[in-house]
Each structure stands twice: as C-alpha cells, then as structure tokens.
Amino acid sequence: MSDHLDNLPGKQAYTSADIQAWLVANISTLLGVEPDEIDIKEPLDSYGLDSAQAMIIANQAEKFLGFKLSLIHLWYYPTIEELAQRLAEELENSESEILQI
C-alpha cells in the first residue's frame, strides 16, 4: 500500500488510515522491524525512535503529505494513531482553505 501512496503527489485527500499505513510502513523500514510489529496505539518512543530517525520520518512525511511536518507534532501526538488523525485533519483544513480562495 505504501508503494502506491508514495507515487502520488502531495496534498492528496489522504484519510487517517492512509496516513497510518504510510507511517507504519516507513517507521518499520527505518527501524528494521516487520510492519505487524508496530502498534499504532503505542508511543513512538517505545520503539526506540531517536531524534535523528524522527527527523527522517518528518522529512519523508513532508514529501508524502505536501506540507511541513513539525517535530512538535511527534511530541503532542505521540502515537501513530493520534499523529495520523491530526495530519489528516490538517490536510482537510488546508484543502478547505484552498477551496475558499
């Protein structure tokens, strides 16, 4: 699924589930674990994700989503589930702002 999503340009109407799948695929690859070992309800730091790896994920997410992902997001939304939901909301809000112009 992530290969399909990686080929799409940013600013798509990704759902929270799409973003969760992308995060799981990319985090599992970065950490060298199987995707099914990642629990979307567990804090990311429970997997030993360090600040350098968080920067990598943030940069990849920026390309995927089409907007800058602040590392603050990882602090306020520490699980994949929470982070994906927030990012989906931000995408929806940015799309509605574009439509209003």
Protein backbone atom coordinates (compact mmCIF):
# COMPACT_ATOMS: atom_id res chain seq x y z
CA MET A 1 0.00 0.00 0.00
CA SER A 2 2.78 2.46 0.84
CA ASP A 3 4.39 1.99 -2.58
CA HIS A 4 1.12 3.06 -4.18
CA LEU A 5 0.79 6.07 -1.89
CA ASP A 6 4.45 7.09 -2.33
CA ASN A 7 3.85 7.58 -6.05
CA LEU A 8 1.05 10.08 -5.60
CA PRO A 9 1.81 13.80 -5.43
CA GLY A 10 1.40 15.64 -2.12
CA LYS A 11 -1.77 17.42 -0.98
CA GLN A 12 -3.97 14.41 -1.68
CA ALA A 13 -7.09 13.75 0.35
CA TYR A 14 -5.45 11.05 2.43
CA THR A 15 -7.51 9.53 5.20
CA SER A 16 -6.21 8.84 8.67
CA ALA A 17 -6.00 5.15 7.68
CA ASP A 18 -3.87 6.01 4.62
CA ILE A 19 -1.50 8.06 6.75
CA GLN A 20 -1.36 5.35 9.42
CA ALA A 21 -0.42 2.76 6.79
CA TRP A 22 2.26 5.05 5.39
CA LEU A 23 3.67 5.77 8.86
CA VAL A 24 3.71 2.08 9.82
CA ALA A 25 5.45 1.10 6.57
CA ASN A 26 8.08 3.83 6.83
CA ILE A 27 8.74 3.53 10.55
CA SER A 28 9.04 -0.25 10.36
CA THR A 29 11.51 0.07 7.47
CA LEU A 30 13.52 2.71 9.34
CA LEU A 31 13.65 0.59 12.50
CA GLY A 32 14.23 -2.69 10.65
CA VAL A 33 11.14 -4.44 12.01
CA GLU A 34 8.11 -6.02 10.39
CA PRO A 35 5.09 -3.70 9.94
CA ASP A 36 2.93 -6.05 12.02
CA GLU A 37 5.28 -5.42 14.97
CA ILE A 38 4.20 -1.76 15.03
CA ASP A 39 1.17 -0.97 17.22
CA ILE A 40 -0.45 2.31 16.18
CA LYS A 41 -1.64 2.87 19.76
CA GLU A 42 1.86 2.61 21.30
CA PRO A 43 4.01 5.75 21.74
CA LEU A 44 6.66 6.02 19.04
CA ASP A 45 9.39 6.38 21.64
CA SER A 46 8.51 2.89 22.90
CA TYR A 47 10.14 1.60 19.68
CA GLY A 48 13.39 3.43 20.40
CA LEU A 49 12.79 6.05 17.70
CA ASP A 50 15.53 8.62 18.25
CA SER A 51 15.57 12.30 17.25
CA ALA A 52 17.54 11.66 14.05
CA GLN A 53 15.03 9.00 12.98
CA ALA A 54 12.17 11.34 13.89
CA MET A 55 13.72 13.96 11.57
CA ILE A 56 13.88 11.39 8.76
CA ILE A 57 10.21 10.48 9.24
CA ALA A 58 9.22 14.17 9.38
CA ASN A 59 11.10 14.89 6.13
CA GLN A 60 9.59 11.87 4.38
CA ALA A 61 6.13 12.82 5.64
CA GLU A 62 6.59 16.34 4.30
CA LYS A 63 7.18 14.92 0.81
CA PHE A 64 4.30 12.46 1.17
CA LEU A 65 1.74 14.93 2.53
CA GLY A 66 2.87 18.08 0.73
CA PHE A 67 3.31 20.25 3.83
CA LYS A 68 5.94 20.72 6.51
CA LEU A 69 5.61 18.41 9.49
CA SER A 70 6.91 19.98 12.66
CA LEU A 71 8.65 17.71 15.14
CA ILE A 72 6.26 19.24 17.69
CA HIS A 73 3.60 17.00 16.11
CA LEU A 74 5.53 13.98 17.36
CA TRP A 75 5.50 15.44 20.87
CA TYR A 76 1.80 16.34 21.01
CA TYR A 77 0.63 13.29 19.05
CA PRO A 78 3.00 10.53 20.26
CA THR A 79 1.23 7.53 18.72
CA ILE A 80 0.80 6.71 15.04
CA GLU A 81 -2.96 6.68 15.55
CA GLU A 82 -3.04 10.19 17.06
CA LEU A 83 -0.49 11.60 14.65
CA ALA A 84 -2.27 10.21 11.58
CA GLN A 85 -5.60 11.62 12.75
CA ARG A 86 -4.10 15.08 13.30
CA LEU A 87 -2.29 15.07 9.95
CA ALA A 88 -5.49 14.02 8.15
CA GLU A 89 -7.29 16.94 9.84
CA GLU A 90 -4.55 19.34 8.75
CA LEU A 91 -4.80 18.09 5.17
CA GLU A 92 -8.56 18.52 5.24
CA ASN A 93 -8.22 22.04 6.64
CA SER A 94 -5.60 23.05 4.07
CA GLU A 95 -7.81 21.73 1.26
CA SER A 96 -10.84 23.66 2.53
CA GLU A 97 -8.70 26.84 2.71
CA ILE A 98 -7.66 26.32 -0.91
CA LEU A 99 -11.30 25.84 -1.95
CA GLN A 100 -12.30 29.09 -0.23
CA ILE A 101 -9.82 31.18 -2.21
